[in-house]
Amino acid sequence: MVTPVRVVIALCLVAPFVAMLWVSSYAKVDPAFIGIPFFYWYQMLWVLISTVLTMIAYQLWQRDQRARKALREGASR
């Protein structure tokens, strides 16, 4: 069943793939950050962003599963 929470989870998990597969958006040298070309620091930034998005998706999934379990247990009584 598709719920708004599950859509947010999917977006959190798909966003890093889209960002990394759209190479033309970051295949450049400038702007450099502390001497590191944009091409490299952009990808490293997405490692951190991906970690945060995965943590958010996991927390939302856990909350969704707890709510579904409570709903099932309440309906069976």
PDB file of N, CA and C in Angstrom:
ATOM      1  N   MET A   1       0.841  -1.179   0.000  1.00  0.00           N
ATOM      2  CA  MET A   1       0.000   0.000   0.000  1.00  0.00           C
ATOM      3  C   MET A   1       0.889   1.247   0.000  1.00  0.00           C
ATOM      4  N   VAL A   2       0.648   2.151  -0.914  1.00  0.00           N
ATOM      5  CA  VAL A   2       1.441   3.364  -1.027  1.00  0.00           C
ATOM      6  C   VAL A   2       0.855   4.432  -0.108  1.00  0.00           C
ATOM      7  N   THR A   3       1.688   4.902   0.798  1.00  0.00           N
ATOM      8  CA  THR A   3       1.287   5.962   1.716  1.00  0.00           C
ATOM      9  C   THR A   3       2.242   7.138   1.534  1.00  0.00           C
ATOM     10  N   PRO A   4       1.880   8.320   2.009  1.00  0.00           N
ATOM     11  CA  PRO A   4       2.800   9.459   1.891  1.00  0.00           C
ATOM     12  C   PRO A   4       4.158   9.210   2.547  1.00  0.00           C
ATOM     13  N   VAL A   5       4.151   8.490   3.657  1.00  0.00           N
ATOM     14  CA  VAL A   5       5.422   8.187   4.339  1.00  0.00           C
ATOM     15  C   VAL A   5       6.305   7.319   3.445  1.00  0.00           C
ATOM     16  N   ARG A   6       5.706   6.344   2.794  1.00  0.00           N
ATOM     17  CA  ARG A   6       6.482   5.471   1.912  1.00  0.00           C
ATOM     18  C   ARG A   6       6.996   6.215   0.686  1.00  0.00           C
ATOM     19  N   VAL A   7       6.262   7.215   0.224  1.00  0.00           N
ATOM     20  CA  VAL A   7       6.734   8.034  -0.890  1.00  0.00           C
ATOM     21  C   VAL A   7       7.964   8.833  -0.455  1.00  0.00           C
ATOM     22  N   VAL A   8       7.922   9.386   0.754  1.00  0.00           N
ATOM     23  CA  VAL A   8       9.070  10.130   1.282  1.00  0.00           C
ATOM     24  C   VAL A   8      10.270   9.205   1.438  1.00  0.00           C
ATOM     25  N   ILE A   9      10.045   7.998   1.925  1.00  0.00           N
ATOM     26  CA  ILE A   9      11.124   7.015   2.060  1.00  0.00           C
ATOM     27  C   ILE A   9      11.741   6.731   0.702  1.00  0.00           C
ATOM     28  N   ALA A  10      10.916   6.515  -0.301  1.00  0.00           N
ATOM     29  CA  ALA A  10      11.413   6.239  -1.645  1.00  0.00           C
ATOM     30  C   ALA A  10      12.221   7.419  -2.187  1.00  0.00           C
ATOM     31  N   LEU A  11      11.741   8.625  -1.970  1.00  0.00           N
ATOM     32  CA  LEU A  11      12.473   9.804  -2.437  1.00  0.00           C
ATOM     33  C   LEU A  11      13.828   9.937  -1.745  1.00  0.00           C
ATOM     34  N   CYS A  12      13.850   9.642  -0.453  1.00  0.00           N
ATOM     35  CA  CYS A  12      15.123   9.689   0.284  1.00  0.00           C
ATOM     36  C   CYS A  12      16.136   8.694  -0.275  1.00  0.00           C
ATOM     37  N   LEU A  13      15.659   7.540  -0.702  1.00  0.00           N
ATOM     38  CA  LEU A  13      16.565   6.508  -1.196  1.00  0.00           C
ATOM     39  C   LEU A  13      16.931   6.694  -2.667  1.00  0.00           C
ATOM     40  N   VAL A  14      16.065   7.336  -3.445  1.00  0.00           N
ATOM     41  CA  VAL A  14      16.319   7.508  -4.875  1.00  0.00           C
ATOM     42  C   VAL A  14      17.149   8.766  -5.167  1.00  0.00           C
ATOM     43  N   ALA A  15      17.021   9.785  -4.347  1.00  0.00           N
ATOM     44  CA  ALA A  15      17.698  11.062  -4.587  1.00  0.00           C
ATOM     45  C   ALA A  15      19.207  10.926  -4.825  1.00  0.00           C
ATOM     46  N   PRO A  16      19.947  10.172  -4.005  1.00  0.00           N
ATOM     47  CA  PRO A  16      21.382  10.047  -4.262  1.00  0.00           C
ATOM     48  C   PRO A  16      21.702   9.399  -5.617  1.00  0.00           C
ATOM     49  N   PHE A  17      20.897   8.434  -6.027  1.00  0.00           N
ATOM     50  CA  PHE A  17      21.138   7.785  -7.318  1.00  0.00           C
ATOM     51  C   PHE A  17      20.939   8.771  -8.461  1.00  0.00           C
ATOM     52  N   VAL A  18      19.875   9.540  -8.378  1.00  0.00           N
ATOM     53  CA  VAL A  18      19.612  10.529  -9.424  1.00  0.00           C
ATOM     54  C   VAL A  18      20.734  11.555  -9.475  1.00  0.00           C
ATOM     55  N   ALA A  19      21.158  12.020  -8.317  1.00  0.00           N
ATOM     56  CA  ALA A  19      22.220  13.029  -8.256  1.00  0.00           C
ATOM     57  C   ALA A  19      23.526  12.504  -8.848  1.00  0.00           C
ATOM     58  N   MET A  20      23.853  11.253  -8.584  1.00  0.00           N
ATOM     59  CA  MET A  20      25.110  10.704  -9.084  1.00  0.00           C
ATOM     60  C   MET A  20      25.030  10.256 -10.549  1.00  0.00           C
ATOM     61  N   LEU A  21      23.855   9.869 -11.000  1.00  0.00           N
ATOM     62  CA  LEU A  21      23.723   9.447 -12.395  1.00  0.00           C
ATOM     63  C   LEU A  21      23.622  10.619 -13.364  1.00  0.00           C
ATOM     64  N   TRP A  22      23.310  11.803 -12.866  1.00  0.00           N
ATOM     65  CA  TRP A  22      23.232  13.001 -13.694  1.00  0.00           C
ATOM     66  C   TRP A  22      24.612  13.658 -13.726  1.00  0.00           C
ATOM     67  N   VAL A  23      25.541  12.993 -14.388  1.00  0.00           N
ATOM     68  CA  VAL A  23      26.958  13.372 -14.374  1.00  0.00           C
ATOM     69  C   VAL A  23      27.190  14.766 -14.956  1.00  0.00           C
ATOM     70  N   SER A  24      26.459  15.138 -15.969  1.00  0.00           N
ATOM     71  CA  SER A  24      26.690  16.450 -16.594  1.00  0.00           C
ATOM     72  C   SER A  24      26.455  17.608 -15.629  1.00  0.00           C
ATOM     73  N   SER A  25      25.727  17.374 -14.546  1.00  0.00           N
ATOM     74  CA  SER A  25      25.485  18.442 -13.577  1.00  0.00           C
ATOM     75  C   SER A  25      26.709  18.744 -12.712  1.00  0.00           C
ATOM     76  N   TYR A  26      27.619  17.796 -12.607  1.00  0.00           N
ATOM     77  CA  TYR A  26      28.791  18.031 -11.749  1.00  0.00           C
ATOM     78  C   TYR A  26      30.123  17.729 -12.430  1.00  0.00           C
ATOM     79  N   ALA A  27      30.124  17.489 -13.713  1.00  0.00           N
ATOM     80  CA  ALA A  27      31.362  17.195 -14.439  1.00  0.00           C
ATOM     81  C   ALA A  27      32.059  18.503 -14.814  1.00  0.00           C
ATOM     82  N   LYS A  28      32.586  19.180 -13.802  1.00  0.00           N
ATOM     83  CA  LYS A  28      33.296  20.438 -14.013  1.00  0.00           C
ATOM     84  C   LYS A  28      34.314  20.640 -12.903  1.00  0.00           C
ATOM     85  N   VAL A  29      35.198  21.582 -13.105  1.00  0.00           N
ATOM     86  CA  VAL A  29      36.272  21.833 -12.138  1.00  0.00           C
ATOM     87  C   VAL A  29      35.871  22.906 -11.134  1.00  0.00           C
ATOM     88  N   ASP A  30      35.221  23.958 -11.612  1.00  0.00           N
ATOM     89  CA  ASP A  30      34.863  25.072 -10.730  1.00  0.00           C
ATOM     90  C   ASP A  30      33.430  24.955 -10.270  1.00  0.00           C
ATOM     91  N   PRO A  31      33.083  25.359  -9.094  1.00  0.00           N
ATOM     92  CA  PRO A  31      33.900  26.031  -8.091  1.00  0.00           C
ATOM     93  C   PRO A  31      34.712  25.028  -7.264  1.00  0.00           C
ATOM     94  N   ALA A  32      35.948  25.355  -7.078  1.00  0.00           N
ATOM     95  CA  ALA A  32      36.821  24.513  -6.252  1.00  0.00           C
ATOM     96  C   ALA A  32      36.584  24.856  -4.778  1.00  0.00           C
ATOM     97  N   PHE A  33      36.753  23.874  -3.930  1.00  0.00           N
ATOM     98  CA  PHE A  33      36.594  24.059  -2.482  1.00  0.00           C
ATOM     99  C   PHE A  33      37.895  23.626  -1.824  1.00  0.00           C
ATOM    100  N   ILE A  34      38.560  24.546  -1.167  1.00  0.00           N
ATOM    101  CA  ILE A  34      39.896  24.361  -0.571  1.00  0.00           C
ATOM    102  C   ILE A  34      40.844  23.617  -1.513  1.00  0.00           C
ATOM    103  N   GLY A  35      40.797  24.002  -2.775  1.00  0.00           N
ATOM    104  CA  GLY A  35      41.689  23.434  -3.779  1.00  0.00           C
ATOM    105  C   GLY A  35      41.213  22.132  -4.399  1.00  0.00           C
ATOM    106  N   ILE A  36      40.072  21.631  -3.966  1.00  0.00           N
ATOM    107  CA  ILE A  36      39.539  20.365  -4.502  1.00  0.00           C
ATOM    108  C   ILE A  36      38.535  20.705  -5.600  1.00  0.00           C
ATOM    109  N   PRO A  37      38.710  20.148  -6.795  1.00  0.00           N
ATOM    110  CA  PRO A  37      37.765  20.434  -7.879  1.00  0.00           C
ATOM    111  C   PRO A  37      36.336  20.012  -7.520  1.00  0.00           C
ATOM    112  N   PHE A  38      35.381  20.738  -8.091  1.00  0.00           N
ATOM    113  CA  PHE A  38      33.963  20.507  -7.831  1.00  0.00           C
ATOM    114  C   PHE A  38      33.583  19.057  -8.057  1.00  0.00           C
ATOM    115  N   PHE A  39      34.094  18.434  -9.113  1.00  0.00           N
ATOM    116  CA  PHE A  39      33.775  17.054  -9.457  1.00  0.00           C
ATOM    117  C   PHE A  39      33.973  16.113  -8.265  1.00  0.00           C
ATOM    118  N   TYR A  40      35.039  16.323  -7.503  1.00  0.00           N
ATOM    119  CA  TYR A  40      35.344  15.435  -6.382  1.00  0.00           C
ATOM    120  C   TYR A  40      34.586  15.800  -5.111  1.00  0.00           C
ATOM    121  N   TRP A  41      34.593  17.092  -4.757  1.00  0.00           N
ATOM    122  CA  TRP A  41      33.942  17.419  -3.482  1.00  0.00           C
ATOM    123  C   TRP A  41      32.430  17.278  -3.560  1.00  0.00           C
ATOM    124  N   TYR A  42      31.835  17.429  -4.729  1.00  0.00           N
ATOM    125  CA  TYR A  42      30.396  17.228  -4.883  1.00  0.00           C
ATOM    126  C   TYR A  42      30.038  15.771  -4.593  1.00  0.00           C
ATOM    127  N   GLN A  43      30.830  14.849  -5.122  1.00  0.00           N
ATOM    128  CA  GLN A  43      30.564  13.430  -4.876  1.00  0.00           C
ATOM    129  C   GLN A  43      30.768  13.066  -3.412  1.00  0.00           C
ATOM    130  N   MET A  44      31.783  13.616  -2.794  1.00  0.00           N
ATOM    131  CA  MET A  44      32.018  13.338  -1.373  1.00  0.00           C
ATOM    132  C   MET A  44      30.907  13.937  -0.506  1.00  0.00           C
ATOM    133  N   LEU A  45      30.384  15.080  -0.895  1.00  0.00           N
ATOM    134  CA  LEU A  45      29.262  15.675  -0.178  1.00  0.00           C
ATOM    135  C   LEU A  45      28.046  14.755  -0.253  1.00  0.00           C
ATOM    136  N   TRP A  46      27.847  14.122  -1.404  1.00  0.00           N
ATOM    137  CA  TRP A  46      26.712  13.213  -1.545  1.00  0.00           C
ATOM    138  C   TRP A  46      26.872  11.949  -0.706  1.00  0.00           C
ATOM    139  N   VAL A  47      28.076  11.584  -0.366  1.00  0.00           N
ATOM    140  CA  VAL A  47      28.268  10.453   0.555  1.00  0.00           C
ATOM    141  C   VAL A  47      27.635  10.804   1.905  1.00  0.00           C
ATOM    142  N   LEU A  48      27.897  12.012   2.384  1.00  0.00           N
ATOM    143  CA  LEU A  48      27.319  12.456   3.656  1.00  0.00           C
ATOM    144  C   LEU A  48      25.804  12.633   3.548  1.00  0.00           C
ATOM    145  N   ILE A  49      25.354  13.265   2.465  1.00  0.00           N
ATOM    146  CA  ILE A  49      23.923  13.468   2.268  1.00  0.00           C
ATOM    147  C   ILE A  49      23.204  12.121   2.185  1.00  0.00           C
ATOM    148  N   SER A  50      23.797  11.170   1.483  1.00  0.00           N
ATOM    149  CA  SER A  50      23.192   9.837   1.348  1.00  0.00           C
ATOM    150  C   SER A  50      23.062   9.146   2.694  1.00  0.00           C
ATOM    151  N   THR A  51      24.063   9.319   3.537  1.00  0.00           N
ATOM    152  CA  THR A  51      24.017   8.736   4.876  1.00  0.00           C
ATOM    153  C   THR A  51      22.846   9.308   5.665  1.00  0.00           C
ATOM    154  N   VAL A  52      22.695  10.616   5.635  1.00  0.00           N
ATOM    155  CA  VAL A  52      21.602  11.270   6.363  1.00  0.00           C
ATOM    156  C   VAL A  52      20.253  10.843   5.795  1.00  0.00           C
ATOM    157  N   LEU A  53      20.127  10.811   4.475  1.00  0.00           N
ATOM    158  CA  LEU A  53      18.861  10.412   3.863  1.00  0.00           C
ATOM    159  C   LEU A  53      18.507   8.957   4.166  1.00  0.00           C
ATOM    160  N   THR A  54      19.510   8.096   4.202  1.00  0.00           N
ATOM    161  CA  THR A  54      19.262   6.695   4.541  1.00  0.00           C
ATOM    162  C   THR A  54      18.818   6.558   5.991  1.00  0.00           C
ATOM    163  N   MET A  55      19.421   7.331   6.885  1.00  0.00           N
ATOM    164  CA  MET A  55      19.013   7.299   8.289  1.00  0.00           C
ATOM    165  C   MET A  55      17.567   7.784   8.448  1.00  0.00           C
ATOM    166  N   ILE A  56      17.222   8.839   7.726  1.00  0.00           N
ATOM    167  CA  ILE A  56      15.851   9.354   7.774  1.00  0.00           C
ATOM    168  C   ILE A  56      14.882   8.300   7.250  1.00  0.00           C
ATOM    169  N   ALA A  57      15.233   7.676   6.126  1.00  0.00           N
ATOM    170  CA  ALA A  57      14.363   6.646   5.539  1.00  0.00           C
ATOM    171  C   ALA A  57      14.186   5.486   6.510  1.00  0.00           C
ATOM    172  N   TYR A  58      15.247   5.082   7.170  1.00  0.00           N
ATOM    173  CA  TYR A  58      15.171   3.979   8.131  1.00  0.00           C
ATOM    174  C   TYR A  58      14.260   4.331   9.305  1.00  0.00           C
ATOM    175  N   GLN A  59      14.428   5.541   9.840  1.00  0.00           N
ATOM    176  CA  GLN A  59      13.586   5.958  10.967  1.00  0.00           C
ATOM    177  C   GLN A  59      12.111   6.025  10.557  1.00  0.00           C
ATOM    178  N   LEU A  60      11.850   6.556   9.372  1.00  0.00           N
ATOM    179  CA  LEU A  60      10.469   6.610   8.890  1.00  0.00           C
ATOM    180  C   LEU A  60       9.904   5.216   8.685  1.00  0.00           C
ATOM    181  N   TRP A  61      10.723   4.294   8.180  1.00  0.00           N
ATOM    182  CA  TRP A  61      10.280   2.914   7.962  1.00  0.00           C
ATOM    183  C   TRP A  61       9.948   2.246   9.297  1.00  0.00           C
ATOM    184  N   GLN A  62      10.802   2.438  10.284  1.00  0.00           N
ATOM    185  CA  GLN A  62      10.550   1.856  11.598  1.00  0.00           C
ATOM    186  C   GLN A  62       9.247   2.401  12.186  1.00  0.00           C
ATOM    187  N   ARG A  63       9.036   3.706  12.076  1.00  0.00           N
ATOM    188  CA  ARG A  63       7.812   4.323  12.583  1.00  0.00           C
ATOM    189  C   ARG A  63       6.590   3.770  11.847  1.00  0.00           C
ATOM    190  N   ASP A  64       6.698   3.626  10.528  1.00  0.00           N
ATOM    191  CA  ASP A  64       5.596   3.097   9.724  1.00  0.00           C
ATOM    192  C   ASP A  64       5.280   1.653  10.119  1.00  0.00           C
ATOM    193  N   GLN A  65       6.309   0.856  10.345  1.00  0.00           N
ATOM    194  CA  GLN A  65       6.097  -0.541  10.719  1.00  0.00           C
ATOM    195  C   GLN A  65       5.453  -0.662  12.098  1.00  0.00           C
ATOM    196  N   ARG A  66       5.884   0.181  13.038  1.00  0.00           N
ATOM    197  CA  ARG A  66       5.261   0.174  14.377  1.00  0.00           C
ATOM    198  C   ARG A  66       3.793   0.565  14.290  1.00  0.00           C
ATOM    199  N   ALA A  67       3.479   1.569  13.479  1.00  0.00           N
ATOM    200  CA  ALA A  67       2.086   2.015  13.332  1.00  0.00           C
ATOM    201  C   ALA A  67       1.241   0.914  12.691  1.00  0.00           C
ATOM    202  N   ARG A  68       1.779   0.234  11.688  1.00  0.00           N
ATOM    203  CA  ARG A  68       1.038  -0.850  11.036  1.00  0.00           C
ATOM    204  C   ARG A  68       0.805  -2.013  11.994  1.00  0.00           C
ATOM    205  N   LYS A  69       1.810  -2.318  12.806  1.00  0.00           N
ATOM    206  CA  LYS A  69       1.671  -3.408  13.770  1.00  0.00           C
ATOM    207  C   LYS A  69       0.608  -3.059  14.815  1.00  0.00           C
ATOM    208  N   ALA A  70       0.630  -1.827  15.305  1.00  0.00           N
ATOM    209  CA  ALA A  70      -0.372  -1.396  16.283  1.00  0.00           C
ATOM    210  C   ALA A  70      -1.766  -1.418  15.668  1.00  0.00           C
ATOM    211  N   LEU A  71      -1.877  -1.041  14.411  1.00  0.00           N
ATOM    212  CA  LEU A  71      -3.155  -1.051  13.730  1.00  0.00           C
ATOM    213  C   LEU A  71      -3.683  -2.489  13.564  1.00  0.00           C
ATOM    214  N   ARG A  72      -2.791  -3.410  13.206  1.00  0.00           N
ATOM    215  CA  ARG A  72      -3.178  -4.811  13.068  1.00  0.00           C
ATOM    216  C   ARG A  72      -3.615  -5.405  14.405  1.00  0.00           C
ATOM    217  N   GLU A  73      -2.857  -5.109  15.457  1.00  0.00           N
ATOM    218  CA  GLU A  73      -3.195  -5.643  16.774  1.00  0.00           C
ATOM    219  C   GLU A  73      -4.494  -5.042  17.295  1.00  0.00           C
ATOM    220  N   GLY A  74      -4.732  -3.783  16.993  1.00  0.00           N
ATOM    221  CA  GLY A  74      -5.980  -3.148  17.418  1.00  0.00           C
ATOM    222  C   GLY A  74      -7.168  -3.692  16.657  1.00  0.00           C
ATOM    223  N   ALA A  75      -6.993  -4.051  15.409  1.00  0.00           N
ATOM    224  CA  ALA A  75      -8.086  -4.576  14.587  1.00  0.00           C
ATOM    225  C   ALA A  75      -8.407  -6.028  14.951  1.00  0.00           C
ATOM    226  N   SER A  76      -7.414  -6.759  15.445  1.00  0.00           N
ATOM    227  CA  SER A  76      -7.644  -8.164  15.771  1.00  0.00           C
ATOM    228  C   SER A  76      -8.317  -8.356  17.134  1.00  0.00           C
ATOM    229  N   ARG A  77      -8.397  -7.327  17.911  1.00  0.00           N
ATOM    230  CA  ARG A  77      -9.022  -7.441  19.238  1.00  0.00           C
ATOM    231  C   ARG A  77     -10.487  -7.317  19.185  1.00  0.00           C
TER     232      ARG A  77
END
